[in-house]
Structures are given as structure tokens and as C-alpha cells.
């Protein structure tokens, strides 16, 4: 028997989404593209995971059980450990709280915004640009 070499993974991506189907599909597709992936199903879990996992990029859903994505984005940007980490919103909402989501996330400084359902190849292109 040969020695098994560990799989060399690429950049680390934290997926923050409370929809298991979305998280699972994204995880599988990103791992196939050689990203190291960790999933958080709520805001508190995302904050805990971000501190330990030290992601290179965060994919953030807008509506979570304990935080909304805007609040969580603000927490990430105020934390020196994650302040420089690009955040891409993934959401089913085009309008949230009477505001256009794309406009608000751009104004906040997010690295991108994708509406569910989206084409993975479009997301992958964005990730490749951000994770140079």
C-alpha cells in the first residue's frame, strides 16, 4: 500500500447560510474547485468559525436565524481578524428592509452580491478574481 498524501486545499471560504441545501451544494462545488470550506448555519456560529478558521473569503446569506447579514457584515468589518476579508452576499432577497440589496451591499463595501438561484460559474469567476 502506498502512502496517502493529504489533499492540498486552496483558499479558505466560510459559507454562512441557514439553508442546508444551499450550503451543501455550495460546499460540494467549492471543494471540487479545490477550496477549503467551512459552513456556519447562523451568525454566532459564523463569528466563532471565522475566529478559528481564518477564512480568505466569506459567503454570507442576508437572512439568518439570529442576525441579519447586514449586522453580521458589520461585525466582521469591525473585527481586526476579519476586517480585510472580502464578503460576498448570497441571498434570495432583491429588496430587504425597503432597500435594494445590491445597492446597499455595494454601499457597505461588500465584494459582491448574488441572488439565489445563481449560476455557480458566475460565482466562481468572482471568487477567482477576489482570491488572487
N, C-alpha and C. Protein backbone atom coordinates (compact mmCIF):
# COMPACT_ATOMS: atom_id res chain seq x y z
N UNK A 1 0.83 -1.18 0.00
CA UNK A 1 0.00 0.00 0.00
C UNK A 1 0.87 1.24 0.00
N UNK A 2 0.48 2.23 -0.82
CA UNK A 2 1.21 3.48 -0.86
C UNK A 2 0.78 4.40 0.27
N UNK A 3 1.61 5.38 0.47
CA UNK A 3 1.29 6.37 1.49
C UNK A 3 0.30 7.37 0.90
N UNK A 4 -0.76 7.65 1.64
CA UNK A 4 -1.74 8.63 1.19
C UNK A 4 -1.24 10.03 1.50
N UNK A 5 -1.19 10.86 0.48
CA UNK A 5 -0.77 12.24 0.69
C UNK A 5 -2.02 13.07 1.00
N UNK A 6 -1.90 14.02 1.91
CA UNK A 6 -3.06 14.86 2.19
C UNK A 6 -3.39 15.72 0.97
N UNK A 7 -4.68 15.94 0.78
CA UNK A 7 -5.12 16.77 -0.32
C UNK A 7 -4.75 18.21 -0.02
N UNK A 8 -4.09 18.85 -0.95
CA UNK A 8 -3.72 20.24 -0.78
C UNK A 8 -4.91 21.09 -1.17
N UNK A 9 -5.44 21.83 -0.22
CA UNK A 9 -6.61 22.64 -0.47
C UNK A 9 -6.18 24.06 -0.78
N UNK A 10 -7.06 24.77 -1.43
CA UNK A 10 -6.78 26.15 -1.80
C UNK A 10 -7.18 27.10 -0.69
N UNK A 11 -7.69 28.21 -1.09
CA UNK A 11 -8.10 29.26 -0.17
C UNK A 11 -9.28 28.79 0.68
N UNK A 12 -9.41 29.41 1.86
CA UNK A 12 -10.47 29.05 2.81
C UNK A 12 -11.69 29.94 2.62
N UNK A 13 -12.85 29.31 2.49
CA UNK A 13 -14.11 30.03 2.32
C UNK A 13 -15.08 29.61 3.42
N UNK A 14 -15.63 30.61 4.10
CA UNK A 14 -16.65 30.37 5.11
C UNK A 14 -18.00 30.66 4.48
N UNK A 15 -18.87 29.66 4.46
CA UNK A 15 -20.24 29.81 3.96
C UNK A 15 -21.14 30.03 5.17
N UNK A 16 -21.89 31.12 5.16
CA UNK A 16 -22.83 31.41 6.25
C UNK A 16 -24.22 31.41 5.65
N UNK A 17 -24.93 30.30 5.86
CA UNK A 17 -26.27 30.15 5.29
C UNK A 17 -27.04 29.13 6.12
N UNK A 18 -28.28 29.45 6.45
CA UNK A 18 -29.07 28.54 7.28
C UNK A 18 -29.89 27.55 6.46
N UNK A 19 -29.79 27.61 5.14
CA UNK A 19 -30.49 26.65 4.29
C UNK A 19 -29.53 25.49 3.98
N UNK A 20 -29.77 24.31 4.56
CA UNK A 20 -28.85 23.18 4.39
C UNK A 20 -28.61 22.81 2.93
N UNK A 21 -29.64 22.88 2.09
CA UNK A 21 -29.45 22.51 0.68
C UNK A 21 -28.48 23.46 -0.02
N UNK A 22 -28.62 24.74 0.25
CA UNK A 22 -27.73 25.74 -0.36
C UNK A 22 -26.30 25.52 0.12
N UNK A 23 -26.13 25.36 1.43
CA UNK A 23 -24.80 25.16 2.00
C UNK A 23 -24.13 23.91 1.44
N UNK A 24 -24.91 22.84 1.34
CA UNK A 24 -24.36 21.57 0.85
C UNK A 24 -23.92 21.68 -0.61
N UNK A 25 -24.79 22.26 -1.44
CA UNK A 25 -24.44 22.40 -2.86
C UNK A 25 -23.23 23.31 -3.05
N UNK A 26 -23.21 24.43 -2.35
CA UNK A 26 -22.07 25.34 -2.45
C UNK A 26 -20.79 24.66 -1.96
N UNK A 27 -20.87 23.96 -0.83
CA UNK A 27 -19.71 23.27 -0.29
C UNK A 27 -19.13 22.27 -1.28
N UNK A 28 -20.01 21.45 -1.84
CA UNK A 28 -19.55 20.44 -2.80
C UNK A 28 -18.89 21.09 -4.02
N UNK A 29 -19.53 22.11 -4.57
CA UNK A 29 -18.98 22.76 -5.76
C UNK A 29 -17.66 23.46 -5.45
N UNK A 30 -17.57 24.10 -4.31
CA UNK A 30 -16.33 24.80 -3.95
C UNK A 30 -15.20 23.82 -3.64
N UNK A 31 -15.53 22.73 -2.97
CA UNK A 31 -14.49 21.72 -2.69
C UNK A 31 -13.97 21.09 -3.99
N UNK A 32 -14.88 20.89 -4.95
CA UNK A 32 -14.45 20.37 -6.25
C UNK A 32 -13.49 21.34 -6.94
N UNK A 33 -13.64 22.61 -6.63
CA UNK A 33 -12.78 23.65 -7.19
C UNK A 33 -11.55 23.89 -6.31
N UNK A 34 -11.32 23.00 -5.36
CA UNK A 34 -10.14 22.99 -4.50
C UNK A 34 -10.08 24.10 -3.47
N UNK A 35 -11.25 24.52 -3.01
CA UNK A 35 -11.31 25.45 -1.88
C UNK A 35 -11.52 24.66 -0.61
N UNK A 36 -10.99 25.14 0.48
CA UNK A 36 -11.24 24.57 1.80
C UNK A 36 -12.47 25.30 2.34
N UNK A 37 -13.49 24.55 2.70
CA UNK A 37 -14.79 25.15 3.02
C UNK A 37 -15.24 24.78 4.43
N UNK A 38 -15.82 25.76 5.11
CA UNK A 38 -16.46 25.53 6.39
C UNK A 38 -17.82 26.21 6.34
N UNK A 39 -18.83 25.58 6.93
CA UNK A 39 -20.20 26.11 6.90
C UNK A 39 -20.63 26.51 8.30
N UNK A 40 -21.26 27.68 8.38
CA UNK A 40 -21.90 28.14 9.61
C UNK A 40 -23.37 28.35 9.30
N UNK A 41 -24.24 27.88 10.18
CA UNK A 41 -25.68 27.95 9.91
C UNK A 41 -26.35 29.14 10.59
N UNK A 42 -25.59 29.91 11.35
CA UNK A 42 -26.15 31.12 11.97
C UNK A 42 -25.02 32.11 12.23
N UNK A 43 -25.40 33.31 12.68
CA UNK A 43 -24.42 34.36 12.86
C UNK A 43 -23.40 34.09 13.94
N UNK A 44 -23.85 33.60 15.09
CA UNK A 44 -22.92 33.33 16.18
C UNK A 44 -21.91 32.27 15.79
N UNK A 45 -22.39 31.23 15.15
CA UNK A 45 -21.50 30.18 14.65
C UNK A 45 -20.50 30.75 13.65
N UNK A 46 -20.96 31.67 12.80
CA UNK A 46 -20.07 32.29 11.81
C UNK A 46 -18.96 33.09 12.50
N UNK A 47 -19.32 33.83 13.53
CA UNK A 47 -18.31 34.61 14.26
C UNK A 47 -17.29 33.68 14.92
N UNK A 48 -17.77 32.60 15.53
CA UNK A 48 -16.87 31.63 16.16
C UNK A 48 -15.97 30.96 15.14
N UNK A 49 -16.56 30.52 14.02
CA UNK A 49 -15.79 29.84 12.98
C UNK A 49 -14.77 30.78 12.34
N UNK A 50 -15.15 32.02 12.12
CA UNK A 50 -14.25 32.97 11.47
C UNK A 50 -12.99 33.18 12.31
N UNK A 51 -13.15 33.21 13.62
CA UNK A 51 -12.00 33.40 14.51
C UNK A 51 -11.03 32.23 14.42
N UNK A 52 -11.55 31.01 14.34
CA UNK A 52 -10.70 29.82 14.32
C UNK A 52 -10.25 29.43 12.92
N UNK A 53 -11.13 29.56 11.94
CA UNK A 53 -10.89 29.09 10.57
C UNK A 53 -10.06 30.08 9.75
N UNK A 54 -10.16 31.36 10.09
CA UNK A 54 -9.45 32.44 9.40
C UNK A 54 -9.68 32.37 7.88
N UNK A 55 -10.93 32.60 7.47
CA UNK A 55 -11.25 32.47 6.04
C UNK A 55 -10.60 33.55 5.18
N UNK A 56 -10.40 33.20 3.92
CA UNK A 56 -9.89 34.16 2.93
C UNK A 56 -11.05 34.90 2.28
N UNK A 57 -12.27 34.34 2.41
CA UNK A 57 -13.46 34.95 1.84
C UNK A 57 -14.68 34.40 2.59
N UNK A 58 -15.72 35.24 2.71
CA UNK A 58 -16.95 34.82 3.38
C UNK A 58 -18.11 34.97 2.41
N UNK A 59 -18.89 33.90 2.25
CA UNK A 59 -20.15 33.94 1.51
C UNK A 59 -21.25 34.06 2.56
N UNK A 60 -22.01 35.14 2.50
CA UNK A 60 -22.92 35.48 3.58
C UNK A 60 -24.36 35.63 3.11
N UNK A 61 -25.24 34.83 3.68
CA UNK A 61 -26.67 34.96 3.42
C UNK A 61 -27.18 36.20 4.15
N UNK A 62 -28.23 36.79 3.64
CA UNK A 62 -28.76 38.01 4.23
C UNK A 62 -29.66 37.73 5.43
N UNK A 63 -30.45 36.66 5.36
CA UNK A 63 -31.40 36.38 6.44
C UNK A 63 -30.96 35.11 7.18
N UNK A 64 -30.60 35.30 8.44
CA UNK A 64 -30.16 34.21 9.29
C UNK A 64 -31.04 34.18 10.54
N UNK A 65 -31.06 33.07 11.28
CA UNK A 65 -31.95 32.98 12.43
C UNK A 65 -31.63 33.97 13.56
N UNK A 66 -30.37 34.34 13.74
CA UNK A 66 -30.01 35.17 14.89
C UNK A 66 -29.48 36.57 14.54
N UNK A 67 -29.01 36.76 13.34
CA UNK A 67 -28.51 38.05 12.88
C UNK A 67 -29.06 38.26 11.48
N UNK A 68 -29.16 39.51 11.04
CA UNK A 68 -29.34 39.63 9.60
C UNK A 68 -27.94 39.81 9.03
N UNK A 69 -27.79 39.55 7.76
CA UNK A 69 -26.48 39.59 7.14
C UNK A 69 -25.80 40.95 7.24
N UNK A 70 -26.59 42.01 7.23
CA UNK A 70 -26.01 43.35 7.35
C UNK A 70 -25.32 43.53 8.71
N UNK A 71 -25.99 43.07 9.77
CA UNK A 71 -25.40 43.17 11.12
C UNK A 71 -24.13 42.32 11.21
N UNK A 72 -24.19 41.13 10.65
CA UNK A 72 -23.04 40.25 10.71
C UNK A 72 -21.88 40.82 9.89
N UNK A 73 -22.18 41.38 8.73
CA UNK A 73 -21.16 42.03 7.91
C UNK A 73 -20.46 43.11 8.73
N UNK A 74 -21.25 43.92 9.42
CA UNK A 74 -20.71 44.99 10.24
C UNK A 74 -19.79 44.43 11.32
N UNK A 75 -20.18 43.34 11.95
CA UNK A 75 -19.33 42.70 12.98
C UNK A 75 -18.02 42.20 12.39
N UNK A 76 -18.10 41.58 11.19
CA UNK A 76 -16.87 41.12 10.53
C UNK A 76 -15.94 42.29 10.23
N UNK A 77 -16.49 43.39 9.76
CA UNK A 77 -15.66 44.53 9.37
C UNK A 77 -15.07 45.28 10.57
N UNK A 78 -15.69 45.16 11.73
CA UNK A 78 -15.17 45.80 12.94
C UNK A 78 -14.13 44.94 13.66
N UNK A 79 -14.06 43.66 13.32
CA UNK A 79 -13.11 42.75 13.96
C UNK A 79 -11.80 42.79 13.16
N UNK A 80 -10.69 43.15 13.79
CA UNK A 80 -9.41 43.22 13.07
C UNK A 80 -9.03 41.92 12.37
N UNK A 81 -9.47 40.77 12.91
CA UNK A 81 -9.13 39.47 12.30
C UNK A 81 -9.85 39.24 10.98
N UNK A 82 -11.01 39.87 10.77
CA UNK A 82 -11.78 39.64 9.54
C UNK A 82 -12.06 40.92 8.76
N UNK A 83 -11.56 42.04 9.22
CA UNK A 83 -11.86 43.32 8.57
C UNK A 83 -11.48 43.35 7.10
N UNK A 84 -10.38 42.73 6.74
CA UNK A 84 -9.91 42.76 5.35
C UNK A 84 -10.44 41.61 4.50
N UNK A 85 -11.20 40.70 5.11
CA UNK A 85 -11.71 39.54 4.38
C UNK A 85 -12.87 39.98 3.48
N UNK A 86 -12.79 39.68 2.17
CA UNK A 86 -13.91 40.04 1.30
C UNK A 86 -15.15 39.23 1.65
N UNK A 87 -16.31 39.92 1.60
CA UNK A 87 -17.59 39.29 1.89
C UNK A 87 -18.47 39.42 0.66
N UNK A 88 -19.00 38.28 0.21
CA UNK A 88 -19.93 38.25 -0.92
C UNK A 88 -21.27 37.79 -0.37
N UNK A 89 -22.29 38.61 -0.55
CA UNK A 89 -23.63 38.26 -0.11
C UNK A 89 -24.26 37.29 -1.10
N UNK A 90 -24.98 36.30 -0.56
CA UNK A 90 -25.79 35.39 -1.37
C UNK A 90 -27.17 35.39 -0.74
N UNK A 91 -28.17 35.79 -1.51
CA UNK A 91 -29.49 35.99 -0.92
C UNK A 91 -30.60 35.76 -1.92
N UNK A 92 -31.77 35.45 -1.40
CA UNK A 92 -32.96 35.32 -2.24
C UNK A 92 -33.69 36.65 -2.34
N UNK A 93 -33.30 37.63 -1.53
CA UNK A 93 -33.97 38.92 -1.49
C UNK A 93 -33.34 39.91 -2.46
N UNK A 94 -34.17 40.56 -3.25
CA UNK A 94 -33.67 41.68 -4.05
C UNK A 94 -33.92 42.99 -3.31
N UNK A 95 -34.94 42.97 -2.45
CA UNK A 95 -35.25 44.11 -1.59
C UNK A 95 -35.35 43.56 -0.17
N UNK A 96 -34.73 44.25 0.78
CA UNK A 96 -34.76 43.82 2.17
C UNK A 96 -34.80 45.08 3.03
N UNK A 97 -35.81 45.19 3.87
CA UNK A 97 -35.95 46.38 4.69
C UNK A 97 -36.18 47.64 3.86
N UNK A 98 -36.94 47.51 2.78
CA UNK A 98 -37.27 48.62 1.89
C UNK A 98 -36.07 49.17 1.11
N UNK A 99 -34.98 48.43 1.05
CA UNK A 99 -33.81 48.88 0.30
C UNK A 99 -33.40 47.83 -0.71
N UNK A 100 -32.90 48.29 -1.84
CA UNK A 100 -32.35 47.39 -2.85
C UNK A 100 -31.09 46.75 -2.27
N UNK A 101 -31.07 45.43 -2.23
CA UNK A 101 -29.97 44.70 -1.60
C UNK A 101 -28.64 44.95 -2.32
N UNK A 102 -28.64 44.90 -3.62
CA UNK A 102 -27.41 45.10 -4.37
C UNK A 102 -26.81 46.48 -4.10
N UNK A 103 -27.66 47.50 -4.09
CA UNK A 103 -27.19 48.86 -3.82
C UNK A 103 -26.64 49.00 -2.40
N UNK A 104 -27.37 48.45 -1.43
CA UNK A 104 -26.95 48.58 -0.04
C UNK A 104 -25.64 47.83 0.21
N UNK A 105 -25.53 46.61 -0.31
CA UNK A 105 -24.30 45.84 -0.06
C UNK A 105 -23.10 46.52 -0.72
N UNK A 106 -23.32 47.10 -1.87
CA UNK A 106 -22.24 47.84 -2.55
C UNK A 106 -21.83 49.04 -1.70
N UNK A 107 -22.81 49.78 -1.20
CA UNK A 107 -22.55 50.96 -0.37
C UNK A 107 -21.81 50.57 0.92
N UNK A 108 -22.13 49.40 1.45
CA UNK A 108 -21.50 48.93 2.69
C UNK A 108 -20.05 48.50 2.47
N UNK A 109 -19.70 48.19 1.23
CA UNK A 109 -18.34 47.75 0.94
C UNK A 109 -18.21 46.26 0.71
N UNK A 110 -19.32 45.57 0.46
CA UNK A 110 -19.25 44.14 0.16
C UNK A 110 -18.54 43.93 -1.17
N UNK A 111 -17.93 42.77 -1.31
CA UNK A 111 -17.18 42.44 -2.53
C UNK A 111 -18.08 41.97 -3.65
N UNK A 112 -19.36 41.69 -3.35
CA UNK A 112 -20.29 41.24 -4.37
C UNK A 112 -21.62 40.84 -3.76
N UNK A 113 -22.57 40.59 -4.65
CA UNK A 113 -23.91 40.17 -4.22
C UNK A 113 -24.49 39.28 -5.31
N UNK A 114 -24.93 38.09 -4.92
CA UNK A 114 -25.55 37.14 -5.84
C UNK A 114 -26.94 36.80 -5.33
N UNK A 115 -27.88 36.76 -6.26
CA UNK A 115 -29.26 36.39 -5.92
C UNK A 115 -29.49 34.92 -6.21
N UNK A 116 -30.06 34.23 -5.22
CA UNK A 116 -30.41 32.81 -5.39
C UNK A 116 -31.64 32.71 -6.29
N UNK A 117 -31.69 31.78 -7.18
CA UNK A 117 -30.60 30.89 -7.59
C UNK A 117 -29.65 31.63 -8.54
N UNK A 118 -28.40 31.25 -8.50
CA UNK A 118 -27.40 31.87 -9.35
C UNK A 118 -26.59 30.77 -10.04
N UNK A 119 -25.89 31.17 -11.06
CA UNK A 119 -25.02 30.23 -11.78
C UNK A 119 -23.70 30.11 -11.02
N UNK A 120 -23.31 28.89 -10.68
CA UNK A 120 -22.07 28.69 -9.93
C UNK A 120 -20.87 29.24 -10.69
N UNK A 121 -20.88 29.10 -12.00
CA UNK A 121 -19.70 29.59 -12.77
C UNK A 121 -19.53 31.09 -12.61
N UNK A 122 -20.63 31.85 -12.45
CA UNK A 122 -20.53 33.29 -12.22
C UNK A 122 -19.92 33.58 -10.85
N UNK A 123 -20.38 32.84 -9.84
CA UNK A 123 -19.82 32.99 -8.51
C UNK A 123 -18.33 32.61 -8.52
N UNK A 124 -18.01 31.51 -9.18
CA UNK A 124 -16.63 31.04 -9.22
C UNK A 124 -15.71 32.09 -9.87
N UNK A 125 -16.19 32.74 -10.92
CA UNK A 125 -15.40 33.79 -11.58
C UNK A 125 -15.13 34.92 -10.59
N UNK A 126 -16.14 35.32 -9.84
CA UNK A 126 -15.97 36.37 -8.84
C UNK A 126 -14.97 35.94 -7.78
N UNK A 127 -15.10 34.72 -7.29
CA UNK A 127 -14.19 34.22 -6.26
C UNK A 127 -12.75 34.19 -6.75
N UNK A 128 -12.56 33.72 -7.97
CA UNK A 128 -11.21 33.67 -8.53
C UNK A 128 -10.60 35.07 -8.62
N UNK A 129 -11.41 36.06 -8.92
CA UNK A 129 -10.92 37.44 -9.00
C UNK A 129 -10.55 37.96 -7.61
N UNK A 130 -11.38 37.66 -6.64
CA UNK A 130 -11.15 38.16 -5.28
C UNK A 130 -10.04 37.42 -4.54
N UNK A 131 -9.81 36.18 -4.90
CA UNK A 131 -8.83 35.34 -4.17
C UNK A 131 -7.52 35.18 -4.94
N UNK A 132 -7.06 36.21 -5.54
CA UNK A 132 -5.81 36.18 -6.31
C UNK A 132 -4.63 36.04 -5.36
